[in-house]
């Protein structure tokens, strides 16, 4: 069932239900009012007849019947009967209308002071009348033609009005549902125009504060992630193909040359050593690629815990120096530490240590002195960790490209590497809701800054 039809149906049901309840209330209270007015009229006639019979000696039952016949205010099939204390009928105003009054109605009138009942089409009222020693019960009955006709007219009018309102609500509901869904239709049309070749296209946001605006904004964010994913995939495949081809070609070439003719043991050992170096490079490259793909796991943020950033820095420094003792890594605080909470961040210790390892290793690798200086600065809601070295520096045009996988600047061509470390590091920092950016105030001076939110700011 289409949403437009659902909205129209729901709108029609709501309007019809409210209309039916309202009209039922109008009909019920109108009917109650007409009945009460009719019974009040019967009561007035009954009391008047009883007073004439008991108080006016000149008025006899026969005379009262004649008066009733001449009365133009007589109700249709009106009949008034008076009963004495022995339940004997002592007067009746109309012999042509049969009214069999059961004894229980007379007793109810004496006990309850008034009783209402129906006998066939007659609406009857019984009331006691006590005057001196006269303990009478007056029963008045008639047919309310005017009231019945009024209710029939009201029923026809209300039924016609209900049908009209249901029809109008259906038409207007269809119109307003179409109008309400028009922005969604436009969004669908815009989405259908987006293909893998034009993923840079975004949906128009007319009102970012309503639900559709939020939906469009969310979809645009999704398109940003999809575009980034497509770009990374294309770049990754292209670069992996290029990076794997070189060592594989070298291995193939060396083995092919070695098999062309018999060689000495030393030559075979030399060839095997060279091939082994290439295989090790392939192993390092595959490990780096695996680390890069691990960061696509959406469950990682659920595994984060509170960590001390200084402990992770010292662990990363010890690991680097253990692997390469010739390097120099210095860790300092730029401002005074007031509380230990200032050092806390929320994250994964292995990933953050991997990011710091890459930054320390890169800093030493591209430094003229094989050293890097790491400083920690405490801000109200963030930590700034700077990795400074003096070396080849980074050109302004390369600053935006160094975080792309496999990218290597021209001035680093003589330095061994794959161009994966910084891309991996940036993804790790982004995963921790942080930021990694480059500062190169001098041509031979490079500063890579990591901004991480403190643990308190994420609670």
Protein backbone atom coordinates (compact mmCIF):
# COMPACT_ATOMS: atom_id res chain seq x y z
CA UNK A 1 0.00 0.00 0.00
CA UNK A 2 1.46 3.36 -1.04
CA UNK A 3 2.12 5.98 1.61
CA UNK A 4 -0.12 8.47 -0.17
CA UNK A 5 -3.07 6.07 0.03
CA UNK A 6 -2.24 5.25 3.67
CA UNK A 7 -2.16 8.92 4.65
CA UNK A 8 -5.44 9.57 2.82
CA UNK A 9 -7.08 6.58 4.49
CA UNK A 10 -5.83 7.56 7.94
CA UNK A 11 -6.89 11.17 7.47
CA UNK A 12 -10.36 10.09 6.29
CA UNK A 13 -10.75 7.67 9.21
CA UNK A 14 -9.73 10.32 11.76
CA UNK A 15 -12.04 12.98 10.30
CA UNK A 16 -14.91 10.49 9.94
CA UNK A 17 -14.48 9.23 13.49
CA UNK A 18 -14.45 12.74 14.94
CA UNK A 19 -17.48 13.67 12.81
CA UNK A 20 -19.44 10.54 13.80
CA UNK A 21 -18.72 11.10 17.51
CA UNK A 22 -19.72 14.75 17.24
CA UNK A 23 -22.92 13.99 15.30
CA UNK A 24 -23.82 11.16 17.65
CA UNK A 25 -23.49 13.63 20.55
CA UNK A 26 -25.68 16.16 18.70
CA UNK A 27 -28.31 13.49 17.94
CA UNK A 28 -28.27 12.09 21.49
CA UNK A 29 -28.60 15.44 23.26
CA UNK A 30 -31.23 16.63 20.78
CA UNK A 31 -33.29 13.48 21.33
CA UNK A 32 -32.94 13.85 25.11
CA UNK A 33 -34.02 17.47 24.94
CA UNK A 34 -37.09 16.67 22.78
CA UNK A 35 -38.14 13.79 25.05
CA UNK A 36 -37.72 15.86 28.21
CA UNK A 37 -39.73 18.70 26.65
CA UNK A 38 -42.46 16.22 25.61
CA UNK A 39 -42.65 14.66 29.07
CA UNK A 40 -42.81 18.10 30.64
CA UNK A 41 -45.76 18.84 28.40
CA UNK A 42 -47.45 15.57 29.41
CA UNK A 43 -46.82 16.38 33.06
CA UNK A 44 -48.38 19.82 32.70
CA UNK A 45 -51.47 18.33 31.00
CA UNK A 46 -51.77 15.58 33.63
CA UNK A 47 -51.59 17.99 36.58
CA UNK A 48 -54.01 20.42 34.95
CA UNK A 49 -56.55 17.64 34.38
CA UNK A 50 -56.21 16.39 37.95
CA UNK A 51 -56.72 19.86 39.39
CA UNK A 52 -59.82 20.43 37.30
CA UNK A 53 -61.31 17.10 38.41
CA UNK A 54 -60.57 17.54 42.12
CA UNK A 55 -60.81 21.28 42.72
CA UNK A 56 -63.46 22.58 40.34
CA UNK A 57 -66.79 21.09 41.31
CA UNK A 58 -68.50 22.39 38.20
CA UNK A 59 -66.17 20.36 35.98
CA UNK A 60 -67.40 16.82 35.57
CA UNK A 61 -65.53 14.03 33.76
CA UNK A 62 -68.06 14.26 30.92
CA UNK A 63 -67.56 18.01 30.59
CA UNK A 64 -63.78 17.61 30.75
CA UNK A 65 -63.94 15.11 27.88
CA UNK A 66 -65.87 17.59 25.79
CA UNK A 67 -63.36 20.29 26.62
CA UNK A 68 -60.48 18.00 25.61
CA UNK A 69 -62.18 17.32 22.25
CA UNK A 70 -62.43 21.02 21.53
CA UNK A 71 -58.86 21.75 22.70
CA UNK A 72 -56.57 22.50 19.77
CA UNK A 73 -53.49 21.78 21.86
CA UNK A 74 -54.29 18.10 22.14
CA UNK A 75 -51.37 15.79 21.32
CA UNK A 76 -51.71 12.98 18.81
CA UNK A 77 -53.48 10.01 20.48
CA UNK A 78 -53.42 11.87 23.74
CA UNK A 79 -54.95 9.98 26.67
CA UNK A 80 -55.07 11.01 30.31
CA UNK A 81 -56.34 8.59 32.93
CA UNK A 82 -56.78 9.13 36.68
CA UNK A 83 -56.69 6.28 39.21
CA UNK A 84 -57.78 6.33 42.85
CA UNK A 85 -55.94 4.80 45.80
CA UNK A 86 -57.47 1.41 44.95
CA UNK A 87 -56.06 1.62 41.40
CA UNK A 88 -59.51 2.00 39.93
CA UNK A 89 -59.79 4.26 36.88
CA UNK A 90 -62.06 7.19 37.76
CA UNK A 91 -61.42 9.27 34.64
CA UNK A 92 -60.14 8.89 31.09
CA UNK A 93 -59.96 11.63 28.50
CA UNK A 94 -60.03 9.53 25.33
CA UNK A 95 -61.91 6.25 24.98
CA UNK A 96 -60.66 5.65 21.44
CA UNK A 97 -57.07 5.09 22.60
CA UNK A 98 -56.46 1.91 24.52
CA UNK A 99 -54.00 2.27 27.38
CA UNK A 100 -53.57 -0.75 29.64
CA UNK A 101 -51.77 0.52 32.71
CA UNK A 102 -50.15 -2.24 34.73
CA UNK A 103 -50.34 -2.02 38.49
CA UNK A 104 -46.53 -1.84 38.76
CA UNK A 105 -46.50 1.53 36.97
CA UNK A 106 -49.07 2.91 39.43
CA UNK A 107 -47.02 1.65 42.37
CA UNK A 108 -43.82 3.06 40.88
CA UNK A 109 -45.50 6.46 40.49
CA UNK A 110 -46.55 6.45 44.16
CA UNK A 111 -43.11 5.35 45.36
CA UNK A 112 -40.79 7.12 42.91
CA UNK A 113 -43.07 10.20 42.57
CA UNK A 114 -42.82 9.91 38.78
CA UNK A 115 -42.43 7.13 36.23
CA UNK A 116 -41.91 7.00 32.48
CA UNK A 117 -42.70 4.06 30.21
CA UNK A 118 -43.74 3.20 26.69
CA UNK A 119 -46.74 1.21 25.55
CA UNK A 120 -46.60 0.58 21.85
CA UNK A 121 -46.13 3.89 20.14
CA UNK A 122 -47.35 5.83 23.18
CA UNK A 123 -44.93 7.61 25.47
CA UNK A 124 -46.45 7.57 28.95
CA UNK A 125 -45.89 9.45 32.16
CA UNK A 126 -47.24 8.60 35.61
CA UNK A 127 -47.26 11.03 38.53
CA UNK A 128 -49.02 10.99 41.96
CA UNK A 129 -51.49 13.73 42.83
CA UNK A 130 -52.48 14.17 46.48
CA UNK A 131 -55.14 16.72 47.39
CA UNK A 132 -56.64 16.35 50.83
CA UNK A 133 -57.93 12.82 51.07
CA UNK A 134 -57.56 12.26 47.34
CA UNK A 135 -54.54 10.04 46.68
CA UNK A 136 -54.61 9.81 42.95
CA UNK A 137 -52.25 8.71 40.19
CA UNK A 138 -52.43 10.43 36.85
CA UNK A 139 -51.24 8.57 33.73
CA UNK A 140 -50.75 10.68 30.60
CA UNK A 141 -49.73 9.23 27.24
CA UNK A 142 -49.43 10.45 23.65
CA UNK A 143 -47.42 10.13 20.47
CA UNK A 144 -44.80 12.83 19.89
CA UNK A 145 -45.29 13.32 16.16
CA UNK A 146 -43.40 16.60 16.06
CA UNK A 147 -40.47 15.13 17.98
CA UNK A 148 -40.34 12.00 15.82
CA UNK A 149 -40.47 14.06 12.66
CA UNK A 150 -37.76 16.37 13.99
CA UNK A 151 -35.51 13.37 14.79
CA UNK A 152 -36.14 11.82 11.36
CA UNK A 153 -35.22 15.09 9.69
CA UNK A 154 -32.13 15.40 11.89
CA UNK A 155 -31.09 11.82 11.09
CA UNK A 156 -31.37 12.38 7.36
CA UNK A 157 -29.47 15.64 7.63
CA UNK A 158 -26.67 14.16 9.76
CA UNK A 159 -26.29 11.07 7.56
CA UNK A 160 -26.09 13.23 4.44
CA UNK A 161 -23.61 15.52 6.15
CA UNK A 162 -21.47 12.56 7.29
CA UNK A 163 -21.31 11.18 3.75
CA UNK A 164 -20.44 14.62 2.42
CA UNK A 165 -17.70 15.13 5.02
CA UNK A 166 -16.24 11.67 4.34
CA UNK A 167 -16.14 12.44 0.63
CA UNK A 168 -14.57 15.86 1.15
CA UNK A 169 -12.07 14.51 3.69
CA UNK A 170 -11.03 11.77 1.25
CA UNK A 171 -10.52 14.26 -1.59
CA UNK A 172 -8.74 16.81 0.60
CA UNK A 173 -6.70 14.03 2.27
CA UNK A 174 -5.54 12.81 -1.12
CA UNK A 175 -4.61 16.37 -2.09
CA UNK A 176 -2.74 17.16 1.14
CA UNK A 177 -1.01 13.74 1.16
CA UNK A 178 0.20 14.46 -2.36
CA UNK A 179 1.40 17.88 -1.28
CA UNK A 180 3.08 16.53 1.85
CA UNK A 181 4.85 13.78 -0.09
CA UNK A 182 5.95 16.07 -2.92
CA UNK A 183 9.34 16.80 -1.27
CA UNK A 184 9.91 13.04 -0.89
CA UNK A 185 9.06 12.57 -4.56
CA UNK A 186 11.58 15.27 -5.43
CA UNK A 187 14.20 13.57 -3.24
CA UNK A 188 13.54 10.24 -5.01
CA UNK A 189 13.91 11.97 -8.38
CA UNK A 190 17.20 13.56 -7.32
CA UNK A 191 18.50 10.28 -5.91
CA UNK A 192 17.69 8.47 -9.15
CA UNK A 193 19.93 10.93 -10.98
CA UNK A 194 22.94 10.02 -8.83
CA UNK A 195 25.21 7.39 -10.36
CA UNK A 196 28.69 6.12 -9.42
CA UNK A 197 30.13 8.54 -11.98
CA UNK A 198 28.58 11.62 -10.35
CA UNK A 199 28.70 10.78 -6.65
CA UNK A 200 29.77 14.35 -5.96
CA UNK A 201 26.17 15.49 -6.56
CA UNK A 202 24.17 16.27 -3.41
CA UNK A 203 20.48 16.68 -2.63
CA UNK A 204 19.01 20.15 -2.16
CA UNK A 205 18.06 20.97 1.44
CA UNK A 206 15.08 23.34 1.53
CA UNK A 207 14.60 23.46 5.30
CA UNK A 208 17.28 21.83 7.41
CA UNK A 209 15.20 22.10 10.59
CA UNK A 210 12.23 19.91 9.58
CA UNK A 211 12.19 16.11 9.33
CA UNK A 212 12.68 16.02 5.55
CA UNK A 213 15.57 18.44 5.85
CA UNK A 214 17.18 16.19 8.46
CA UNK A 215 16.57 13.17 6.22
CA UNK A 216 18.14 14.94 3.24
CA UNK A 217 21.08 16.04 5.37
CA UNK A 218 21.58 12.49 6.62
CA UNK A 219 21.42 11.16 3.07
CA UNK A 220 23.99 13.73 1.94
CA UNK A 221 26.27 12.59 4.75
CA UNK A 222 25.77 9.03 3.56
CA UNK A 223 26.68 10.11 0.02
CA UNK A 224 29.84 11.72 1.42
CA UNK A 225 30.81 8.42 3.01
CA UNK A 226 29.90 6.46 -0.11
CA UNK A 227 31.89 8.81 -2.32
CA UNK A 228 34.85 8.57 0.03
CA UNK A 229 34.51 4.78 0.06
CA UNK A 230 34.41 4.61 -3.76
CA UNK A 231 37.39 6.94 -4.00
CA UNK A 232 39.38 4.98 -1.44
CA UNK A 233 38.49 1.74 -3.15
CA UNK A 234 39.57 2.96 -6.58
CA UNK A 235 42.74 4.52 -5.17
CA UNK A 236 43.47 1.50 -3.04
CA UNK A 237 43.09 -0.97 -5.93
CA UNK A 238 45.16 1.16 -8.29
CA UNK A 239 47.95 1.75 -5.80
CA UNK A 240 48.01 -1.80 -4.48
CA UNK A 241 48.32 -3.03 -8.03
CA UNK A 242 51.22 -0.65 -8.58
CA UNK A 243 52.98 -1.31 -5.28
CA UNK A 244 52.68 -5.09 -5.48
CA UNK A 245 53.78 -5.18 -9.09
CA UNK A 246 57.25 -3.73 -8.37
CA UNK A 247 58.48 -6.29 -5.79
CA UNK A 248 56.83 -9.15 -7.66
CA UNK A 249 58.50 -8.05 -10.89
CA UNK A 250 61.86 -7.83 -9.11
CA UNK A 251 61.44 -11.30 -7.62
CA UNK A 252 60.42 -12.78 -10.97
CA UNK A 253 63.27 -11.08 -12.80
CA UNK A 254 65.92 -12.21 -10.30
CA UNK A 255 64.72 -15.79 -10.29
CA UNK A 256 64.46 -15.85 -14.10
CA UNK A 257 68.02 -14.55 -14.46
CA UNK A 258 69.26 -17.05 -11.88
CA UNK A 259 67.74 -19.92 -13.86
CA UNK A 260 69.26 -18.94 -17.20
CA UNK A 261 72.52 -20.67 -16.37
CA UNK A 262 74.27 -22.44 -13.57
CA UNK A 263 75.86 -20.15 -11.05
CA UNK A 264 78.10 -20.40 -8.06
CA UNK A 265 76.86 -20.96 -4.55
CA UNK A 266 77.73 -17.39 -3.60
CA UNK A 267 75.73 -16.03 -6.53
CA UNK A 268 72.72 -18.19 -5.60
CA UNK A 269 73.00 -17.03 -1.99
CA UNK A 270 73.17 -13.43 -3.15
CA UNK A 271 70.10 -13.89 -5.35
CA UNK A 272 68.20 -15.66 -2.56
CA UNK A 273 69.10 -12.89 -0.13
CA UNK A 274 67.84 -10.25 -2.52
CA UNK A 275 64.63 -12.21 -3.12
CA UNK A 276 64.22 -12.65 0.64
CA UNK A 277 64.47 -8.88 1.12
CA UNK A 278 61.77 -8.38 -1.51
CA UNK A 279 59.55 -11.00 0.17
CA UNK A 280 60.00 -9.24 3.49
CA UNK A 281 58.97 -5.98 1.85
CA UNK A 282 55.87 -7.74 0.54
CA UNK A 283 55.15 -8.99 4.06
CA UNK A 284 55.49 -5.50 5.54
CA UNK A 285 53.30 -4.09 2.78
CA UNK A 286 50.59 -6.73 3.33
CA UNK A 287 50.64 -6.11 7.10
CA UNK A 288 50.24 -2.38 6.50
CA UNK A 289 47.34 -3.04 4.14
CA UNK A 290 45.68 -5.33 6.70
CA UNK A 291 45.99 -2.64 9.37
CA UNK A 292 44.42 -0.17 6.95
CA UNK A 293 41.42 -2.41 6.22
CA UNK A 294 40.82 -3.18 9.91
CA UNK A 295 39.73 0.41 10.47
CA UNK A 296 36.53 -0.17 8.47
CA UNK A 297 35.11 -2.17 11.38
CA UNK A 298 32.14 -0.19 12.76
CA UNK A 299 32.22 -2.06 16.07
CA UNK A 300 35.58 -0.61 17.11
CA UNK A 301 34.09 2.47 18.88
CA UNK A 302 32.14 0.08 21.13
CA UNK A 303 35.46 -1.38 22.33
CA UNK A 304 36.94 1.96 23.45
CA UNK A 305 38.05 2.48 27.05
CA UNK A 306 39.58 5.25 29.15
CA UNK A 307 43.33 5.56 28.43
CA UNK A 308 46.25 7.68 29.66
CA UNK A 309 47.87 9.33 26.68
CA UNK A 310 51.30 9.66 28.34
CA UNK A 311 51.52 5.92 29.00
CA UNK A 312 50.71 5.15 25.36
CA UNK A 313 53.37 7.64 24.20
CA UNK A 314 56.03 6.05 26.40
CA UNK A 315 55.04 2.57 25.20
CA UNK A 316 55.27 3.71 21.58
CA UNK A 317 58.69 5.32 22.26
CA UNK A 318 60.02 2.14 23.92
CA UNK A 319 58.80 0.03 20.99
CA UNK A 320 60.49 2.30 18.41
CA UNK A 321 63.79 2.40 20.31
CA UNK A 322 63.73 -1.36 20.83
CA UNK A 323 63.30 -1.95 17.10
CA UNK A 324 65.73 0.81 16.03
CA UNK A 325 68.11 1.80 18.85
CA UNK A 326 69.81 4.39 16.67
CA UNK A 327 66.71 6.64 16.71
CA UNK A 328 66.06 9.39 19.25
CA UNK A 329 62.56 10.19 20.59
CA UNK A 330 62.05 12.93 23.19
CA UNK A 331 58.72 13.37 25.04
CA UNK A 332 57.95 16.62 26.95
CA UNK A 333 54.95 18.49 28.43
CA UNK A 334 54.32 22.01 27.11
CA UNK A 335 52.29 23.12 30.15
CA UNK A 336 51.90 21.93 33.72
CA UNK A 337 49.70 18.96 34.55
CA UNK A 338 47.05 19.86 37.14
CA UNK A 339 45.12 16.58 37.39
CA UNK A 340 45.58 13.10 35.94
CA UNK A 341 42.18 13.43 34.24
CA UNK A 342 43.77 15.84 31.77
CA UNK A 343 45.68 12.89 30.28
CA UNK A 344 42.64 10.68 29.77
CA UNK A 345 41.17 9.94 26.35
CA UNK A 346 38.59 7.42 25.16
CA UNK A 347 39.90 4.95 22.62
CA UNK A 348 41.67 1.74 21.69
CA UNK A 349 45.22 1.53 23.10
CA UNK A 350 46.59 -0.66 20.31
CA UNK A 351 45.32 1.63 17.54
CA UNK A 352 46.51 4.85 19.21
CA UNK A 353 49.93 3.29 19.89
CA UNK A 354 50.10 2.22 16.24
CA UNK A 355 49.35 5.81 15.17
CA UNK A 356 52.02 7.21 17.51
CA UNK A 357 54.53 4.57 16.31
CA UNK A 358 53.98 5.67 12.70
CA UNK A 359 54.35 9.36 13.57
CA UNK A 360 57.54 8.76 15.61
CA UNK A 361 59.03 6.52 12.94
CA UNK A 362 58.17 8.99 10.16
CA UNK A 363 59.56 11.87 12.19
CA UNK A 364 62.87 10.08 12.68
CA UNK A 365 62.93 8.71 9.11
CA UNK A 366 62.64 12.14 7.50
CA UNK A 367 64.79 13.95 10.05
CA UNK A 368 68.37 14.96 9.38
CA UNK A 369 69.31 13.85 12.91
CA UNK A 370 67.12 10.70 13.08
CA UNK A 371 65.27 12.26 15.98
CA UNK A 372 61.79 13.55 16.77
CA UNK A 373 60.48 15.67 19.62
CA UNK A 374 57.01 14.89 20.98
CA UNK A 375 55.19 17.51 23.09
CA UNK A 376 51.85 17.31 24.92
CA UNK A 377 49.71 20.42 25.43
CA UNK A 378 46.64 20.41 27.67
CA UNK A 379 43.59 22.37 26.55
CA UNK A 380 40.21 22.61 28.36
CA UNK A 381 38.58 19.87 26.27
CA UNK A 382 41.37 18.55 24.05
CA UNK A 383 44.90 17.24 24.04
CA UNK A 384 47.41 18.40 21.41
CA UNK A 385 50.29 16.01 20.70
CA UNK A 386 52.91 17.50 18.36
CA UNK A 387 55.61 15.51 16.55
CA UNK A 388 58.43 17.88 15.49
CA UNK A 389 61.50 17.12 13.41
CA UNK A 390 64.04 18.93 11.29
CA UNK A 391 64.38 17.47 7.82
CA UNK A 392 63.15 17.71 4.27
CA UNK A 393 59.88 19.45 5.18
CA UNK A 394 56.57 19.26 3.32
CA UNK A 395 55.59 21.53 0.46
CA UNK A 396 52.21 23.36 0.76
CA UNK A 397 50.74 21.53 -2.25
CA UNK A 398 51.64 18.15 -0.70
CA UNK A 399 50.10 18.88 2.72
CA UNK A 400 46.62 17.86 1.55
CA UNK A 401 47.87 14.74 -0.23
CA UNK A 402 50.19 13.09 2.29
CA UNK A 403 47.26 11.38 4.07
CA UNK A 404 46.17 9.56 0.91
CA UNK A 405 47.22 5.89 0.76
CA UNK A 406 50.46 5.24 -1.18
CA UNK A 407 51.13 8.95 -1.79
CA UNK A 408 54.78 9.95 -1.49
CA UNK A 409 56.18 13.42 -1.99
CA UNK A 410 58.96 13.96 -4.52
CA UNK A 411 61.48 14.93 -1.86
CA UNK A 412 61.02 11.53 -0.14
CA UNK A 413 61.82 9.37 -3.15
CA UNK A 414 65.18 8.32 -1.67
CA UNK A 415 63.60 7.24 1.61
CA UNK A 416 62.24 3.73 1.94
CA UNK A 417 58.47 3.43 2.50
CA UNK A 418 55.07 2.69 1.02
CA UNK A 419 53.03 5.81 1.76
CA UNK A 420 50.60 3.93 4.03
CA UNK A 421 51.71 5.02 7.51
CA UNK A 422 50.18 8.51 7.52
CA UNK A 423 46.97 7.31 5.82
CA UNK A 424 46.60 4.63 8.50
CA UNK A 425 47.38 7.16 11.25
CA UNK A 426 44.82 9.68 9.99
CA UNK A 427 42.07 7.04 9.91
CA UNK A 428 42.91 5.98 13.46
CA UNK A 429 42.76 9.57 14.72
CA UNK A 430 39.45 10.21 12.89
CA UNK A 431 38.06 7.02 14.38
CA UNK A 432 38.80 8.53 17.81
CA UNK A 433 36.97 11.76 16.85
CA UNK A 434 40.27 13.58 16.60
CA UNK A 435 42.19 15.46 13.93
CA UNK A 436 45.61 15.12 12.33
CA UNK A 437 47.09 18.07 10.48
CA UNK A 438 50.45 19.33 9.25
CA UNK A 439 52.43 22.41 10.20
CA UNK A 440 55.58 23.37 8.33
CA UNK A 441 56.62 26.80 9.57
CA UNK A 442 60.10 26.45 8.02
CA UNK A 443 61.25 24.62 4.85
CA UNK A 444 63.33 22.21 6.92
CA UNK A 445 60.96 21.91 9.88
CA UNK A 446 57.86 19.68 10.00
CA UNK A 447 55.22 19.46 12.74
CA UNK A 448 52.47 16.86 12.69
CA UNK A 449 49.79 17.69 15.28
CA UNK A 450 47.25 15.28 16.73
CA UNK A 451 44.18 16.69 18.45
CA UNK A 452 42.26 14.22 20.64
CA UNK A 453 39.20 15.03 22.78
CA UNK A 454 39.61 14.53 26.50
CA UNK A 455 37.62 11.77 28.15
CA UNK A 456 35.49 14.25 30.16
CA UNK A 457 34.33 16.08 27.02
CA UNK A 458 32.78 12.84 25.64
CA UNK A 459 30.82 11.88 28.73
